[in-house]
C-alpha atoms as a PDB file:
ATOM      1  CA  MET A   1       0.000   0.000   0.000  1.00  0.00           C
ATOM      2  CA  SER A   2       2.833   2.393   0.794  1.00  0.00           C
ATOM      3  CA  GLU A   3       4.146   2.277  -2.766  1.00  0.00           C
ATOM      4  CA  THR A   4       0.683   3.113  -4.065  1.00  0.00           C
ATOM      5  CA  LEU A   5       0.244   6.035  -1.691  1.00  0.00           C
ATOM      6  CA  ASP A   6       3.749   7.529  -1.797  1.00  0.00           C
ATOM      7  CA  PRO A   7       3.217   9.660  -4.942  1.00  0.00           C
ATOM      8  CA  LEU A   8      -0.070  11.046  -3.605  1.00  0.00           C
ATOM      9  CA  VAL A   9       1.345  11.667  -0.132  1.00  0.00           C
ATOM     10  CA  ARG A  10       4.346  13.405  -1.744  1.00  0.00           C
ATOM     11  CA  ASP A  11       1.977  15.643  -3.761  1.00  0.00           C
ATOM     12  CA  LEU A  12       0.016  16.541  -0.628  1.00  0.00           C
ATOM     13  CA  VAL A  13       3.107  17.354   1.445  1.00  0.00           C
ATOM     14  CA  ALA A  14       4.694  19.369  -1.393  1.00  0.00           C
ATOM     15  CA  TRP A  15       1.475  21.381  -1.769  1.00  0.00           C
ATOM     16  CA  ILE A  16       1.395  22.090   1.967  1.00  0.00           C
ATOM     17  CA  ALA A  17       5.133  22.886   2.106  1.00  0.00           C
ATOM     18  CA  ARG A  18       4.772  25.720  -0.415  1.00  0.00           C
ATOM     19  CA  GLU A  19       2.769  27.803   2.084  1.00  0.00           C
ATOM     20  CA  PRO A  20       0.687  27.261   5.205  1.00  0.00           C
ATOM     21  CA  ARG A  21      -2.756  25.953   4.287  1.00  0.00           C
ATOM     22  CA  SER A  22      -5.873  26.248   6.387  1.00  0.00           C
ATOM     23  CA  TYR A  23      -6.965  22.998   7.962  1.00  0.00           C
ATOM     24  CA  ALA A  24     -10.360  23.303   6.263  1.00  0.00           C
ATOM     25  CA  ASP A  25      -8.755  23.776   2.821  1.00  0.00           C
ATOM     26  CA  VAL A  26      -6.492  20.755   3.292  1.00  0.00           C
ATOM     27  CA  LEU A  27      -9.313  18.484   4.356  1.00  0.00           C
ATOM     28  CA  ASP A  28     -11.553  19.761   1.603  1.00  0.00           C
ATOM     29  CA  ALA A  29      -8.896  19.111  -1.032  1.00  0.00           C
ATOM     30  CA  TRP A  30      -7.322  15.903   0.258  1.00  0.00           C
ATOM     31  CA  ARG A  31      -9.501  13.963   2.654  1.00  0.00           C
ATOM     32  CA  THR A  32     -11.108  10.906   1.169  1.00  0.00           C
ATOM     33  CA  SER A  33     -13.690   8.446   2.353  1.00  0.00           C
ATOM     34  CA  CYS A  34     -12.023   5.727   0.298  1.00  0.00           C
ATOM     35  CA  PRO A  35     -10.266   3.345   2.718  1.00  0.00           C
ATOM     36  CA  ARG A  36      -7.866   2.308  -0.056  1.00  0.00           C
ATOM     37  CA  LEU A  37      -6.490   5.838  -0.548  1.00  0.00           C
ATOM     38  CA  PRO A  38      -6.121   7.445   2.891  1.00  0.00           C
ATOM     39  CA  VAL A  39      -3.695  10.140   1.695  1.00  0.00           C
ATOM     40  CA  TRP A  40      -4.357  12.685   4.447  1.00  0.00           C
ATOM     41  CA  GLU A  41      -4.378  10.052   7.167  1.00  0.00           C
ATOM     42  CA  GLU A  42      -1.135   8.527   5.873  1.00  0.00           C
ATOM     43  CA  ALA A  43       0.659  11.904   5.866  1.00  0.00           C
ATOM     44  CA  VAL A  44      -0.467  12.557   9.452  1.00  0.00           C
ATOM     45  CA  ASP A  45       0.427   9.051  10.651  1.00  0.00           C
ATOM     46  CA  ARG A  46       3.913   9.323   9.138  1.00  0.00           C
ATOM     47  CA  GLY A  47       4.510  12.685  10.834  1.00  0.00           C
ATOM     48  CA  LEU A  48       4.940  14.506   7.520  1.00  0.00           C
ATOM     49  CA  VAL A  49       2.462  17.278   8.357  1.00  0.00           C
ATOM     50  CA  THR A  50       1.358  18.981  11.536  1.00  0.00           C
ATOM     51  CA  ARG A  51      -1.500  21.218  12.621  1.00  0.00           C
ATOM     52  CA  ARG A  52      -0.783  24.544  14.274  1.00  0.00           C
ATOM     53  CA  THR A  53      -2.757  27.709  15.028  1.00  0.00           C
ATOM     54  CA  ILE A  54      -1.319  30.746  13.241  1.00  0.00           C
ATOM     55  CA  ASP A  55      -2.410  34.249  14.201  1.00  0.00           C
ATOM     56  CA  GLY A  56      -4.761  35.658  11.617  1.00  0.00           C
ATOM     57  CA  MET A  57      -5.182  32.323   9.842  1.00  0.00           C
ATOM     58  CA  GLY A  58      -6.586  30.024  12.498  1.00  0.00           C
ATOM     59  CA  LEU A  59      -5.844  26.296  12.422  1.00  0.00           C
ATOM     60  CA  CYS A  60      -3.340  25.549   9.666  1.00  0.00           C
ATOM     61  CA  VAL A  61      -1.450  22.570   8.316  1.00  0.00           C
ATOM     62  CA  LEU A  62       2.306  22.794   7.767  1.00  0.00           C
ATOM     63  CA  ALA A  63       4.893  20.362   6.491  1.00  0.00           C
ATOM     64  CA  THR A  64       7.203  19.056   9.199  1.00  0.00           C
ATOM     65  CA  GLU A  65      10.962  18.786   8.768  1.00  0.00           C
ATOM     66  CA  LYS A  66      10.422  15.101   8.073  1.00  0.00           C
ATOM     67  CA  GLY A  67       7.790  16.026   5.471  1.00  0.00           C
ATOM     68  CA  ARG A  68      10.105  18.465   3.717  1.00  0.00           C
ATOM     69  CA  ALA A  69      12.810  15.780   3.608  1.00  0.00           C
ATOM     70  CA  PHE A  70      10.259  13.326   2.180  1.00  0.00           C
ATOM     71  CA  VAL A  71       9.420  15.581  -0.750  1.00  0.00           C
ATOM     72  CA  GLY A  72      13.064  16.621  -1.219  1.00  0.00           C
ATOM     73  CA  SER A  73      13.669  18.339  -4.515  1.00  0.00           C
ATOM     74  CA  ALA A  74       9.961  18.410  -5.387  1.00  0.00           C
ATOM     75  CA  LEU A  75       9.835  21.791  -3.627  1.00  0.00           C
END
């Protein structure tokens, strides 16, 4: 399953790493009800993204250091 999800997880983390994204925007764009493609859940479970409150933006999702290393040169 990991090999199937890696490209999608990499896309998600790269998108988040470009700039902080609101939690609502991330879930709207990436959450899925399909148990075979849990992209958002996989990124969270691997510690590639984190949630943090940012003044003026509310709850946001940011790429962690581990997430930035995962996407590497894709940034």
